[in-house]
N, C-alpha and C. Protein backbone atom coordinates (compact mmCIF):
# COMPACT_ATOMS: atom_id res chain seq x y z
N MET A 1 111.09 93.57 117.11
CA MET A 1 111.20 92.28 116.43
C MET A 1 110.83 92.41 114.97
N PRO A 2 111.67 91.90 114.03
CA PRO A 2 111.40 92.11 112.62
C PRO A 2 110.15 91.39 112.19
N LEU A 3 109.43 92.03 111.28
CA LEU A 3 108.31 91.35 110.65
C LEU A 3 108.84 90.22 109.79
N VAL A 4 108.11 89.13 109.68
CA VAL A 4 108.54 87.98 108.92
C VAL A 4 107.64 87.83 107.69
N THR A 5 108.21 87.76 106.52
CA THR A 5 107.42 87.66 105.32
C THR A 5 107.07 86.20 105.05
N PRO A 6 106.11 85.93 104.12
CA PRO A 6 105.88 84.54 103.77
C PRO A 6 107.11 83.84 103.22
N TYR A 7 108.01 84.60 102.50
CA TYR A 7 109.20 83.98 101.99
C TYR A 7 110.09 83.49 103.14
N ALA A 8 110.25 84.35 104.12
CA ALA A 8 111.13 84.02 105.24
C ALA A 8 110.58 82.82 106.07
N LEU A 9 109.25 82.86 106.27
CA LEU A 9 108.64 81.76 107.05
C LEU A 9 108.81 80.47 106.28
N ALA A 10 108.54 80.45 104.98
CA ALA A 10 108.66 79.25 104.20
C ALA A 10 110.07 78.70 104.29
N ALA A 11 111.05 79.61 104.22
CA ALA A 11 112.43 79.18 104.33
C ALA A 11 112.77 78.61 105.70
N ALA A 12 112.25 79.28 106.73
CA ALA A 12 112.51 78.79 108.09
C ALA A 12 111.88 77.43 108.28
N LEU A 13 110.71 77.24 107.78
CA LEU A 13 110.05 75.94 107.91
C LEU A 13 110.86 74.87 107.18
N THR A 14 111.34 75.23 106.01
CA THR A 14 112.12 74.25 105.22
C THR A 14 113.44 73.88 105.92
N LEU A 15 114.11 74.89 106.43
CA LEU A 15 115.40 74.64 107.04
C LEU A 15 115.28 73.94 108.36
N CYS A 16 114.24 74.29 109.15
CA CYS A 16 114.13 73.68 110.49
C CYS A 16 113.48 72.32 110.46
N LEU A 17 112.69 72.06 109.41
CA LEU A 17 111.92 70.82 109.40
C LEU A 17 112.17 70.03 108.16
N ALA A 18 113.44 69.96 107.76
CA ALA A 18 113.77 69.26 106.52
C ALA A 18 113.51 67.77 106.55
N SER A 19 113.12 67.25 107.69
CA SER A 19 112.87 65.81 107.81
C SER A 19 111.65 65.37 107.00
N GLY A 20 110.83 66.30 106.52
CA GLY A 20 109.68 65.93 105.72
C GLY A 20 108.36 66.19 106.37
N ALA A 21 108.38 66.75 107.57
CA ALA A 21 107.13 67.04 108.28
C ALA A 21 106.31 68.10 107.63
N ILE A 22 106.89 68.86 106.72
CA ILE A 22 106.14 69.95 106.10
C ILE A 22 106.20 69.82 104.61
N ALA A 23 105.68 68.74 104.06
CA ALA A 23 105.83 68.42 102.66
C ALA A 23 105.37 69.53 101.73
N GLN A 24 104.23 70.20 102.08
CA GLN A 24 103.71 71.16 101.11
C GLN A 24 104.59 72.38 101.02
N VAL A 25 105.03 72.91 102.16
CA VAL A 25 105.87 74.11 102.07
C VAL A 25 107.23 73.80 101.53
N SER A 26 107.86 72.66 101.95
CA SER A 26 109.20 72.35 101.46
C SER A 26 109.14 72.12 99.96
N LYS A 27 108.06 71.54 99.47
CA LYS A 27 107.89 71.37 98.05
C LYS A 27 107.85 72.72 97.31
N SER A 28 107.36 73.73 98.02
CA SER A 28 107.16 75.00 97.39
C SER A 28 108.42 75.89 97.38
N VAL A 29 109.47 75.42 98.01
CA VAL A 29 110.69 76.24 98.08
C VAL A 29 111.83 75.45 97.43
N HIS A 30 112.21 75.85 96.19
CA HIS A 30 113.29 75.13 95.50
C HIS A 30 114.65 75.31 96.18
N ASP A 31 114.96 76.50 96.56
CA ASP A 31 116.23 76.81 97.25
C ASP A 31 115.89 77.73 98.41
N PRO A 32 115.98 77.24 99.67
CA PRO A 32 115.61 78.08 100.85
C PRO A 32 116.32 79.41 100.87
N ARG A 33 117.54 79.48 100.33
CA ARG A 33 118.27 80.73 100.41
C ARG A 33 117.55 81.83 99.63
N HIS A 34 116.87 81.48 98.60
CA HIS A 34 116.13 82.46 97.81
C HIS A 34 114.80 82.82 98.42
N ALA A 35 114.38 82.12 99.47
CA ALA A 35 113.06 82.36 100.04
C ALA A 35 113.08 83.52 101.05
N TYR A 36 114.29 83.90 101.48
CA TYR A 36 114.32 85.02 102.42
C TYR A 36 114.05 86.33 101.74
N HIS A 37 113.39 87.18 102.47
CA HIS A 37 113.00 88.50 101.94
C HIS A 37 113.19 89.51 103.03
N SER A 38 113.84 90.60 102.78
CA SER A 38 114.14 91.58 103.79
C SER A 38 112.88 92.19 104.39
N ALA A 39 112.85 92.33 105.68
CA ALA A 39 111.66 92.89 106.36
C ALA A 39 111.62 94.39 106.14
N PRO A 40 110.42 94.96 105.91
CA PRO A 40 110.31 96.37 105.62
C PRO A 40 110.61 97.26 106.83
N HIS A 41 110.26 96.82 107.98
CA HIS A 41 110.52 97.61 109.19
C HIS A 41 110.38 96.71 110.42
N SER A 42 110.70 97.26 111.57
CA SER A 42 110.58 96.50 112.81
C SER A 42 109.49 97.07 113.67
N VAL A 43 108.96 96.17 114.52
CA VAL A 43 107.90 96.55 115.45
C VAL A 43 108.41 96.31 116.85
N PRO A 44 108.92 97.31 117.58
CA PRO A 44 109.43 97.12 118.90
C PRO A 44 108.30 96.95 119.93
N ALA A 45 107.98 95.71 120.16
CA ALA A 45 106.89 95.40 121.13
C ALA A 45 107.27 94.17 121.91
N PRO A 46 107.85 94.33 123.11
CA PRO A 46 108.30 93.19 123.88
C PRO A 46 107.21 92.19 124.19
N SER A 47 105.98 92.63 124.32
CA SER A 47 104.89 91.74 124.69
C SER A 47 104.27 91.07 123.46
N ARG A 48 104.69 91.44 122.29
CA ARG A 48 104.10 90.90 121.06
C ARG A 48 104.41 89.41 120.94
N PRO A 49 103.42 88.58 120.67
CA PRO A 49 103.67 87.14 120.59
C PRO A 49 104.67 86.84 119.45
N ASN A 50 105.48 85.81 119.68
CA ASN A 50 106.41 85.35 118.63
C ASN A 50 105.63 84.32 117.77
N TRP A 51 104.82 84.87 116.85
CA TRP A 51 103.96 84.04 116.07
C TRP A 51 104.74 83.02 115.23
N THR A 52 105.87 83.45 114.66
CA THR A 52 106.66 82.55 113.83
C THR A 52 107.17 81.37 114.58
N ARG A 53 107.70 81.62 115.77
CA ARG A 53 108.25 80.49 116.60
C ARG A 53 107.12 79.56 116.94
N GLN A 54 105.96 80.08 117.28
CA GLN A 54 104.84 79.23 117.66
C GLN A 54 104.40 78.41 116.46
N ALA A 55 104.39 79.04 115.26
CA ALA A 55 103.99 78.32 114.07
C ALA A 55 104.95 77.16 113.76
N LEU A 56 106.27 77.41 113.94
CA LEU A 56 107.23 76.34 113.71
C LEU A 56 107.04 75.19 114.70
N ALA A 57 106.75 75.52 115.94
CA ALA A 57 106.52 74.50 116.94
C ALA A 57 105.28 73.64 116.59
N GLN A 58 104.22 74.31 116.11
CA GLN A 58 103.03 73.53 115.70
C GLN A 58 103.34 72.66 114.52
N GLU A 59 104.19 73.18 113.57
CA GLU A 59 104.56 72.38 112.40
C GLU A 59 105.32 71.12 112.83
N GLN A 60 106.23 71.28 113.77
CA GLN A 60 107.03 70.11 114.22
C GLN A 60 106.16 69.09 114.85
N ARG A 61 105.13 69.49 115.51
CA ARG A 61 104.18 68.55 116.15
C ARG A 61 103.14 68.04 115.15
N ARG A 62 103.10 68.63 113.95
CA ARG A 62 102.09 68.32 112.96
C ARG A 62 100.70 68.54 113.57
N ASP A 63 100.63 69.54 114.40
CA ASP A 63 99.33 69.87 115.07
C ASP A 63 98.61 70.88 114.18
N TRP A 64 97.93 70.37 113.18
CA TRP A 64 97.29 71.26 112.19
C TRP A 64 96.12 72.04 112.76
N GLN A 65 95.34 71.44 113.63
CA GLN A 65 94.28 72.19 114.23
C GLN A 65 94.82 73.30 115.12
N GLY A 66 95.94 72.97 115.83
CA GLY A 66 96.58 74.01 116.64
C GLY A 66 97.11 75.12 115.79
N LEU A 67 97.61 74.78 114.61
CA LEU A 67 98.16 75.79 113.71
C LEU A 67 97.00 76.63 113.09
N ILE A 68 95.88 76.00 112.85
CA ILE A 68 94.72 76.77 112.43
C ILE A 68 94.31 77.77 113.47
N ASP A 69 94.26 77.32 114.73
CA ASP A 69 93.88 78.25 115.82
C ASP A 69 94.87 79.36 115.93
N LEU A 70 96.16 79.02 115.83
CA LEU A 70 97.19 80.08 115.89
C LEU A 70 97.04 81.02 114.75
N GLY A 71 96.81 80.50 113.53
CA GLY A 71 96.66 81.34 112.36
C GLY A 71 95.46 82.27 112.50
N ARG A 72 94.40 81.80 113.04
CA ARG A 72 93.22 82.66 113.21
C ARG A 72 93.53 83.79 114.19
N HIS A 73 94.17 83.48 115.29
CA HIS A 73 94.55 84.52 116.27
C HIS A 73 95.51 85.51 115.62
N TRP A 74 96.45 84.99 114.87
CA TRP A 74 97.48 85.83 114.24
C TRP A 74 96.83 86.79 113.24
N THR A 75 95.95 86.27 112.40
CA THR A 75 95.31 87.12 111.38
C THR A 75 94.36 88.17 112.03
N GLU A 76 93.80 87.79 113.16
CA GLU A 76 92.99 88.77 113.86
C GLU A 76 93.85 89.87 114.48
N ALA A 77 95.03 89.49 114.99
CA ALA A 77 95.92 90.44 115.63
C ALA A 77 96.62 91.32 114.59
N GLU A 78 96.96 90.72 113.45
CA GLU A 78 97.71 91.41 112.39
C GLU A 78 97.09 91.11 111.03
N PRO A 79 95.93 91.69 110.74
CA PRO A 79 95.21 91.37 109.52
C PRO A 79 95.93 91.76 108.23
N LYS A 80 96.95 92.63 108.33
CA LYS A 80 97.69 93.06 107.17
C LYS A 80 99.00 92.32 107.04
N ASN A 81 99.20 91.30 107.84
CA ASN A 81 100.42 90.53 107.78
C ASN A 81 100.21 89.32 106.86
N ALA A 82 100.91 89.34 105.69
CA ALA A 82 100.71 88.28 104.72
C ALA A 82 101.11 86.93 105.27
N THR A 83 102.17 86.90 106.06
CA THR A 83 102.64 85.62 106.60
C THR A 83 101.58 84.93 107.44
N ALA A 84 100.82 85.71 108.20
CA ALA A 84 99.75 85.16 109.01
C ALA A 84 98.74 84.42 108.15
N TRP A 85 98.36 85.01 107.04
CA TRP A 85 97.41 84.37 106.13
C TRP A 85 98.05 83.16 105.44
N PHE A 86 99.33 83.24 105.14
CA PHE A 86 100.06 82.11 104.57
C PHE A 86 100.01 80.92 105.52
N VAL A 87 100.30 81.14 106.77
CA VAL A 87 100.29 80.09 107.79
C VAL A 87 98.88 79.47 107.91
N LEU A 88 97.89 80.36 107.94
CA LEU A 88 96.53 79.87 108.07
C LEU A 88 96.15 78.99 106.85
N GLY A 89 96.50 79.46 105.66
CA GLY A 89 96.21 78.68 104.44
C GLY A 89 96.90 77.35 104.48
N ARG A 90 98.15 77.33 104.88
CA ARG A 90 98.93 76.10 105.02
C ARG A 90 98.26 75.10 105.93
N ALA A 91 97.81 75.57 107.10
CA ALA A 91 97.21 74.67 108.10
C ALA A 91 95.86 74.16 107.59
N LEU A 92 95.06 75.01 107.01
CA LEU A 92 93.73 74.60 106.53
C LEU A 92 93.90 73.58 105.40
N ALA A 93 94.91 73.76 104.52
CA ALA A 93 95.12 72.84 103.42
C ALA A 93 95.47 71.46 103.98
N GLN A 94 96.26 71.39 105.05
CA GLN A 94 96.60 70.11 105.64
C GLN A 94 95.39 69.37 106.18
N MET A 95 94.39 70.12 106.54
CA MET A 95 93.13 69.52 107.09
C MET A 95 92.11 69.31 106.00
N ASN A 96 92.56 69.50 104.74
CA ASN A 96 91.68 69.31 103.60
C ASN A 96 90.47 70.25 103.60
N ARG A 97 90.62 71.40 104.23
CA ARG A 97 89.60 72.43 104.24
C ARG A 97 89.94 73.42 103.12
N TYR A 98 89.75 72.92 101.91
CA TYR A 98 90.26 73.57 100.74
C TYR A 98 89.68 74.96 100.49
N ALA A 99 88.35 75.10 100.60
CA ALA A 99 87.76 76.38 100.34
C ALA A 99 88.30 77.46 101.27
N GLU A 100 88.47 77.12 102.52
CA GLU A 100 89.02 78.09 103.50
C GLU A 100 90.47 78.35 103.25
N ALA A 101 91.19 77.30 102.84
CA ALA A 101 92.62 77.51 102.54
C ALA A 101 92.78 78.44 101.34
N ILE A 102 91.97 78.26 100.33
CA ILE A 102 92.03 79.11 99.16
C ILE A 102 91.75 80.56 99.54
N SER A 103 90.77 80.77 100.41
CA SER A 103 90.47 82.10 100.84
C SER A 103 91.62 82.74 101.57
N ALA A 104 92.31 81.96 102.41
CA ALA A 104 93.44 82.48 103.21
C ALA A 104 94.59 82.79 102.27
N TYR A 105 94.91 81.92 101.35
CA TYR A 105 96.03 82.20 100.43
C TYR A 105 95.70 83.42 99.56
N ARG A 106 94.45 83.57 99.13
CA ARG A 106 94.11 84.75 98.35
C ARG A 106 94.33 86.02 99.17
N LYS A 107 94.02 85.95 100.44
CA LYS A 107 94.25 87.12 101.29
C LYS A 107 95.77 87.42 101.40
N ASP A 108 96.56 86.38 101.55
CA ASP A 108 98.01 86.50 101.54
C ASP A 108 98.46 87.22 100.31
N LEU A 109 97.93 86.81 99.12
CA LEU A 109 98.40 87.38 97.88
C LEU A 109 97.84 88.77 97.62
N GLU A 110 96.72 89.11 98.24
CA GLU A 110 96.23 90.49 98.16
C GLU A 110 97.23 91.42 98.83
N ILE A 111 97.80 90.96 99.95
CA ILE A 111 98.76 91.77 100.70
C ILE A 111 100.13 91.75 100.06
N GLU A 112 100.57 90.55 99.61
CA GLU A 112 101.89 90.40 99.02
C GLU A 112 101.75 89.66 97.70
N PRO A 113 101.46 90.38 96.63
CA PRO A 113 101.21 89.75 95.33
C PRO A 113 102.40 88.95 94.77
N ARG A 114 103.61 89.28 95.19
CA ARG A 114 104.79 88.59 94.67
C ARG A 114 105.23 87.42 95.52
N ASP A 115 104.39 86.95 96.40
CA ASP A 115 104.71 85.80 97.23
C ASP A 115 104.62 84.54 96.40
N LEU A 116 105.77 84.06 95.90
CA LEU A 116 105.80 82.91 95.02
C LEU A 116 105.36 81.66 95.74
N ASN A 117 105.76 81.50 97.00
CA ASN A 117 105.34 80.31 97.78
C ASN A 117 103.85 80.31 98.01
N GLY A 118 103.26 81.46 98.22
CA GLY A 118 101.84 81.54 98.39
C GLY A 118 101.10 81.17 97.10
N ARG A 119 101.60 81.66 95.95
CA ARG A 119 100.98 81.35 94.68
C ARG A 119 101.08 79.85 94.38
N ASN A 120 102.27 79.29 94.63
CA ASN A 120 102.48 77.87 94.38
C ASN A 120 101.60 77.01 95.29
N ASN A 121 101.49 77.36 96.56
CA ASN A 121 100.64 76.63 97.47
C ASN A 121 99.17 76.75 97.09
N LEU A 122 98.77 77.97 96.66
CA LEU A 122 97.40 78.13 96.21
C LEU A 122 97.13 77.20 95.03
N GLY A 123 98.08 77.07 94.12
CA GLY A 123 97.91 76.12 93.02
C GLY A 123 97.76 74.71 93.55
N ASP A 124 98.56 74.33 94.57
CA ASP A 124 98.44 72.99 95.15
C ASP A 124 97.04 72.75 95.68
N VAL A 125 96.50 73.72 96.40
CA VAL A 125 95.18 73.54 96.97
C VAL A 125 94.10 73.41 95.86
N TYR A 126 94.21 74.22 94.84
CA TYR A 126 93.31 74.07 93.71
C TYR A 126 93.40 72.67 93.11
N ARG A 127 94.66 72.22 92.91
CA ARG A 127 94.85 70.88 92.34
C ARG A 127 94.29 69.78 93.25
N ASP A 128 94.57 69.88 94.54
CA ASP A 128 94.06 68.89 95.45
C ASP A 128 92.55 68.84 95.50
N SER A 129 91.93 69.97 95.22
CA SER A 129 90.45 69.99 95.19
C SER A 129 89.93 69.80 93.76
N ARG A 130 90.82 69.33 92.88
CA ARG A 130 90.49 68.98 91.47
C ARG A 130 90.03 70.21 90.65
N ARG A 131 90.45 71.35 91.03
CA ARG A 131 90.16 72.55 90.28
C ARG A 131 91.41 72.83 89.44
N TYR A 132 91.65 71.95 88.46
CA TYR A 132 92.91 71.95 87.70
C TYR A 132 93.13 73.21 86.89
N PRO A 133 92.14 73.74 86.17
CA PRO A 133 92.38 74.99 85.44
C PRO A 133 92.86 76.11 86.31
N GLU A 134 92.24 76.28 87.50
CA GLU A 134 92.64 77.37 88.40
C GLU A 134 94.03 77.09 88.95
N ALA A 135 94.38 75.83 89.17
CA ALA A 135 95.71 75.49 89.64
C ALA A 135 96.76 75.91 88.58
N MET A 136 96.51 75.61 87.29
CA MET A 136 97.42 75.95 86.27
C MET A 136 97.61 77.46 86.14
N HIS A 137 96.52 78.20 86.32
CA HIS A 137 96.65 79.64 86.29
C HIS A 137 97.48 80.19 87.47
N ALA A 138 97.33 79.57 88.62
CA ALA A 138 98.12 79.99 89.76
C ALA A 138 99.63 79.75 89.53
N TYR A 139 99.97 78.56 89.00
CA TYR A 139 101.37 78.26 88.72
C TYR A 139 101.91 79.20 87.63
N ARG A 140 101.10 79.40 86.60
CA ARG A 140 101.52 80.33 85.55
C ARG A 140 101.83 81.70 86.10
N ASP A 141 100.96 82.18 86.97
CA ASP A 141 101.19 83.53 87.56
C ASP A 141 102.52 83.54 88.33
N ALA A 142 102.86 82.44 88.99
CA ALA A 142 104.11 82.41 89.73
C ALA A 142 105.30 82.51 88.80
N VAL A 143 105.31 81.78 87.74
CA VAL A 143 106.46 81.85 86.81
C VAL A 143 106.48 83.10 85.95
N ARG A 144 105.34 83.76 85.85
CA ARG A 144 105.34 85.06 85.21
C ARG A 144 106.15 86.04 86.07
N ILE A 145 105.98 85.92 87.39
CA ILE A 145 106.70 86.81 88.30
C ILE A 145 108.18 86.47 88.31
N ASN A 146 108.48 85.19 88.33
CA ASN A 146 109.89 84.79 88.35
C ASN A 146 110.04 83.53 87.47
N PRO A 147 110.55 83.65 86.26
CA PRO A 147 110.70 82.52 85.36
C PRO A 147 111.64 81.44 85.87
N ASP A 148 112.44 81.78 86.88
CA ASP A 148 113.39 80.79 87.46
C ASP A 148 112.77 79.99 88.62
N TYR A 149 111.51 80.23 88.94
CA TYR A 149 110.90 79.57 90.09
C TYR A 149 110.51 78.15 89.72
N MET A 150 111.38 77.17 90.05
CA MET A 150 111.25 75.80 89.62
C MET A 150 109.97 75.07 90.08
N PRO A 151 109.55 75.22 91.35
CA PRO A 151 108.40 74.45 91.77
C PRO A 151 107.16 74.69 90.95
N ALA A 152 106.93 75.93 90.57
CA ALA A 152 105.71 76.23 89.78
C ALA A 152 105.79 75.65 88.40
N TRP A 153 106.97 75.63 87.79
CA TRP A 153 107.09 74.97 86.48
C TRP A 153 106.76 73.51 86.58
N TYR A 154 107.32 72.86 87.60
CA TYR A 154 107.06 71.43 87.82
C TYR A 154 105.57 71.20 88.00
N ASN A 155 105.00 71.98 88.87
CA ASN A 155 103.57 71.77 89.19
C ASN A 155 102.66 72.12 87.99
N LEU A 156 103.08 73.07 87.17
CA LEU A 156 102.30 73.37 85.98
C LEU A 156 102.31 72.21 85.02
N ALA A 157 103.48 71.58 84.87
CA ALA A 157 103.57 70.40 84.01
C ALA A 157 102.77 69.23 84.57
N LEU A 158 102.90 68.98 85.89
CA LEU A 158 102.21 67.90 86.50
C LEU A 158 100.68 68.09 86.39
N THR A 159 100.22 69.27 86.64
CA THR A 159 98.76 69.52 86.57
C THR A 159 98.25 69.40 85.16
N PHE A 160 99.02 69.89 84.19
CA PHE A 160 98.61 69.74 82.80
C PHE A 160 98.48 68.27 82.45
N TYR A 161 99.43 67.46 82.89
CA TYR A 161 99.34 66.04 82.62
C TYR A 161 98.13 65.43 83.30
N GLN A 162 97.88 65.77 84.52
CA GLN A 162 96.72 65.23 85.23
C GLN A 162 95.42 65.60 84.54
N LEU A 163 95.37 66.77 83.98
CA LEU A 163 94.17 67.26 83.32
C LEU A 163 94.00 66.72 81.89
N ASN A 164 95.11 66.55 81.17
CA ASN A 164 95.02 66.20 79.73
C ASN A 164 95.63 64.87 79.38
N GLY A 165 96.38 64.25 80.28
CA GLY A 165 97.02 62.99 79.94
C GLY A 165 98.13 63.10 78.96
N MET A 166 98.75 61.97 78.60
CA MET A 166 99.86 62.00 77.68
C MET A 166 99.45 62.44 76.27
N ALA A 167 98.21 62.16 75.92
CA ALA A 167 97.76 62.62 74.60
C ALA A 167 97.75 64.12 74.56
N GLY A 168 97.28 64.76 75.64
CA GLY A 168 97.30 66.23 75.68
C GLY A 168 98.69 66.80 75.64
N VAL A 169 99.64 66.15 76.38
CA VAL A 169 101.02 66.59 76.37
C VAL A 169 101.58 66.53 74.96
N SER A 170 101.31 65.43 74.25
CA SER A 170 101.81 65.28 72.85
C SER A 170 101.21 66.33 71.94
N LEU A 171 99.92 66.58 72.10
CA LEU A 171 99.27 67.59 71.21
C LEU A 171 99.86 68.97 71.49
N ALA A 172 100.10 69.29 72.76
CA ALA A 172 100.68 70.58 73.08
C ALA A 172 102.07 70.68 72.44
N LEU A 173 102.83 69.60 72.48
CA LEU A 173 104.17 69.58 71.86
C LEU A 173 104.09 69.90 70.36
N GLN A 174 103.13 69.31 69.71
CA GLN A 174 102.92 69.57 68.29
C GLN A 174 102.69 71.04 68.01
N HIS A 175 101.80 71.64 68.80
CA HIS A 175 101.48 73.04 68.63
C HIS A 175 102.69 73.93 68.95
N LEU A 176 103.45 73.58 69.97
CA LEU A 176 104.58 74.39 70.35
C LEU A 176 105.69 74.35 69.28
N ARG A 177 105.81 73.19 68.65
CA ARG A 177 106.84 73.10 67.60
C ARG A 177 106.56 74.04 66.44
N THR A 178 105.28 74.28 66.17
CA THR A 178 104.96 75.22 65.10
C THR A 178 105.23 76.65 65.51
N VAL A 179 105.29 76.92 66.79
CA VAL A 179 105.57 78.29 67.29
C VAL A 179 107.07 78.52 67.44
N ASP A 180 107.71 77.59 68.17
CA ASP A 180 109.12 77.72 68.46
C ASP A 180 109.66 76.39 68.92
N PRO A 181 110.56 75.71 68.18
CA PRO A 181 111.11 74.45 68.60
C PRO A 181 111.70 74.49 70.01
N GLN A 182 112.26 75.58 70.42
CA GLN A 182 112.81 75.71 71.75
C GLN A 182 111.71 75.53 72.84
N LEU A 183 110.58 76.15 72.58
CA LEU A 183 109.47 75.98 73.49
C LEU A 183 109.06 74.51 73.62
N ALA A 184 109.00 73.83 72.47
CA ALA A 184 108.63 72.43 72.45
C ALA A 184 109.65 71.59 73.21
N ASP A 185 110.94 71.88 73.03
CA ASP A 185 111.96 71.13 73.73
C ASP A 185 111.91 71.38 75.21
N ALA A 186 111.68 72.60 75.62
CA ALA A 186 111.59 72.89 77.05
C ALA A 186 110.37 72.19 77.67
N TRP A 187 109.25 72.22 76.98
CA TRP A 187 108.05 71.61 77.53
C TRP A 187 108.18 70.07 77.55
N SER A 188 108.85 69.51 76.59
CA SER A 188 109.13 68.07 76.61
C SER A 188 109.92 67.71 77.85
N LYS A 189 110.95 68.50 78.12
CA LYS A 189 111.79 68.20 79.31
C LYS A 189 110.95 68.31 80.59
N LEU A 190 110.10 69.34 80.68
CA LEU A 190 109.33 69.53 81.90
C LEU A 190 108.22 68.51 82.05
N ALA A 191 107.40 68.34 80.97
CA ALA A 191 106.20 67.55 81.08
C ALA A 191 106.38 66.08 80.88
N ILE A 192 107.55 65.69 80.37
CA ILE A 192 107.78 64.25 80.15
C ILE A 192 108.99 63.79 80.95
N GLN A 193 110.16 64.32 80.60
CA GLN A 193 111.38 63.83 81.24
C GLN A 193 111.42 64.09 82.73
N TYR A 194 111.13 65.33 83.12
CA TYR A 194 111.24 65.69 84.54
C TYR A 194 110.20 64.96 85.36
N LEU A 195 108.98 64.85 84.87
CA LEU A 195 107.93 64.17 85.64
C LEU A 195 108.22 62.67 85.82
N GLN A 196 108.94 62.11 84.84
CA GLN A 196 109.24 60.69 84.90
C GLN A 196 110.48 60.41 85.73
N THR A 197 111.51 61.28 85.63
CA THR A 197 112.77 61.01 86.27
C THR A 197 112.97 61.77 87.59
N HIS A 198 112.31 62.88 87.72
CA HIS A 198 112.53 63.81 88.88
C HIS A 198 113.98 64.24 88.96
N ASP A 199 114.65 64.24 87.80
CA ASP A 199 116.03 64.69 87.71
C ASP A 199 116.01 66.25 87.62
N GLU A 200 116.45 66.89 88.65
CA GLU A 200 116.33 68.35 88.70
C GLU A 200 117.17 69.00 87.64
N ARG A 201 118.21 68.32 87.16
CA ARG A 201 119.03 68.89 86.12
C ARG A 201 118.26 69.06 84.78
N VAL A 202 117.32 68.15 84.54
CA VAL A 202 116.51 68.24 83.37
C VAL A 202 115.61 69.47 83.43
N ALA A 203 115.01 69.68 84.63
CA ALA A 203 114.15 70.85 84.78
C ALA A 203 114.98 72.13 84.70
N GLN A 204 116.17 72.15 85.22
CA GLN A 204 117.01 73.35 85.15
C GLN A 204 117.38 73.67 83.73
N GLU A 205 117.65 72.66 82.92
CA GLU A 205 117.93 72.90 81.53
C GLU A 205 116.73 73.52 80.82
N ALA A 206 115.52 72.97 81.11
CA ALA A 206 114.28 73.50 80.50
C ALA A 206 114.03 74.95 80.89
N VAL A 207 114.16 75.19 82.20
CA VAL A 207 113.88 76.55 82.67
C VAL A 207 114.94 77.52 82.18
N LYS A 208 116.16 77.08 82.01
CA LYS A 208 117.20 77.95 81.42
C LYS A 208 116.79 78.37 80.06
N VAL A 209 116.24 77.44 79.25
CA VAL A 209 115.76 77.79 77.89
C VAL A 209 114.61 78.78 77.96
N LEU A 210 113.66 78.48 78.82
CA LEU A 210 112.46 79.33 78.94
C LEU A 210 112.85 80.71 79.42
N HIS A 211 113.81 80.76 80.35
CA HIS A 211 114.24 82.07 80.87
C HIS A 211 114.92 82.87 79.76
N GLY A 212 115.61 82.16 78.88
CA GLY A 212 116.32 82.87 77.82
C GLY A 212 115.42 83.44 76.72
N LEU A 213 114.19 82.93 76.65
CA LEU A 213 113.22 83.44 75.69
C LEU A 213 112.58 84.72 76.22
N ASN A 214 112.05 85.49 75.34
CA ASN A 214 111.38 86.72 75.79
C ASN A 214 109.99 86.40 76.36
N GLN A 215 109.40 87.36 77.01
CA GLN A 215 108.09 87.19 77.62
C GLN A 215 107.03 86.83 76.60
N ALA A 216 107.13 87.42 75.41
CA ALA A 216 106.14 87.14 74.37
C ALA A 216 106.12 85.67 74.01
N SER A 217 107.30 85.07 73.91
CA SER A 217 107.39 83.61 73.57
C SER A 217 106.77 82.78 74.66
N ARG A 218 107.08 83.14 75.93
CA ARG A 218 106.51 82.35 77.04
C ARG A 218 104.99 82.51 77.06
N GLU A 219 104.51 83.70 76.72
CA GLU A 219 103.05 83.88 76.70
C GLU A 219 102.40 83.05 75.67
N LYS A 220 103.06 82.89 74.50
CA LYS A 220 102.53 82.01 73.45
C LYS A 220 102.38 80.59 73.99
N MET A 221 103.41 80.14 74.75
CA MET A 221 103.35 78.82 75.33
C MET A 221 102.14 78.71 76.31
N PHE A 222 102.02 79.71 77.17
CA PHE A 222 100.87 79.68 78.10
C PHE A 222 99.58 79.64 77.35
N GLY A 223 99.53 80.37 76.26
CA GLY A 223 98.27 80.41 75.48
C GLY A 223 97.90 79.06 74.94
N ILE A 224 98.92 78.29 74.52
CA ILE A 224 98.67 76.92 74.00
C ILE A 224 98.28 75.97 75.17
N LEU A 225 99.04 76.04 76.27
CA LEU A 225 98.79 75.12 77.37
C LEU A 225 97.46 75.39 78.07
N LEU A 226 97.06 76.64 78.10
CA LEU A 226 95.83 76.97 78.80
C LEU A 226 94.62 77.17 77.87
N ALA A 227 94.83 76.84 76.58
CA ALA A 227 93.71 76.96 75.63
C ALA A 227 92.56 76.06 76.03
N GLY A 228 91.40 76.63 76.17
CA GLY A 228 90.19 75.86 76.54
C GLY A 228 90.13 75.50 78.00
N VAL A 229 91.14 75.96 78.80
CA VAL A 229 91.16 75.61 80.22
C VAL A 229 90.29 76.60 80.99
């Protein structure tokens, strides 16, 4: 049976439960097709529990305590399986057990550092627990890995606004204009237009600009946004 990565599980949850029963994970996957990740190898074990199927069933029932219990058993059985820690973090976050959820997501990312869904969800938990600076760093790390990853850009802008208000957004725009007008235009689209309209086309235009800039330019933007954070 193939091992399932956090990317694949997030996609499966999104596709199977698109009715909205899994708001946090579906929010974290912009396009489910991009969430699939090839499994490194197979484990032929007929008696091995189908953890993924069980997790999906718990999600459908919104049985978060049951999913916590499943996640604990899964991580004990397969402590090096990033998906197991992802599931546990997801369930704990739903129960507002933020400190434990953060610990689980960190374990997921120790095993699979490029898990964008895990980084985005970690940022969500930080934000929900009002640890805004740490949330912004988590989202920034996600878009450093993949500048096209839309959810983290959106959440970075949202968290910046929650932390600094419109006055902070305007001040950041002023600083960005002195560095690169394109950065200022992209940030305006993300932090003002997209947050107000939820028009995905606006975010796509902004991210297209950001993606077209070099890493040094994006790092200048992060430096301005995270200054003093």
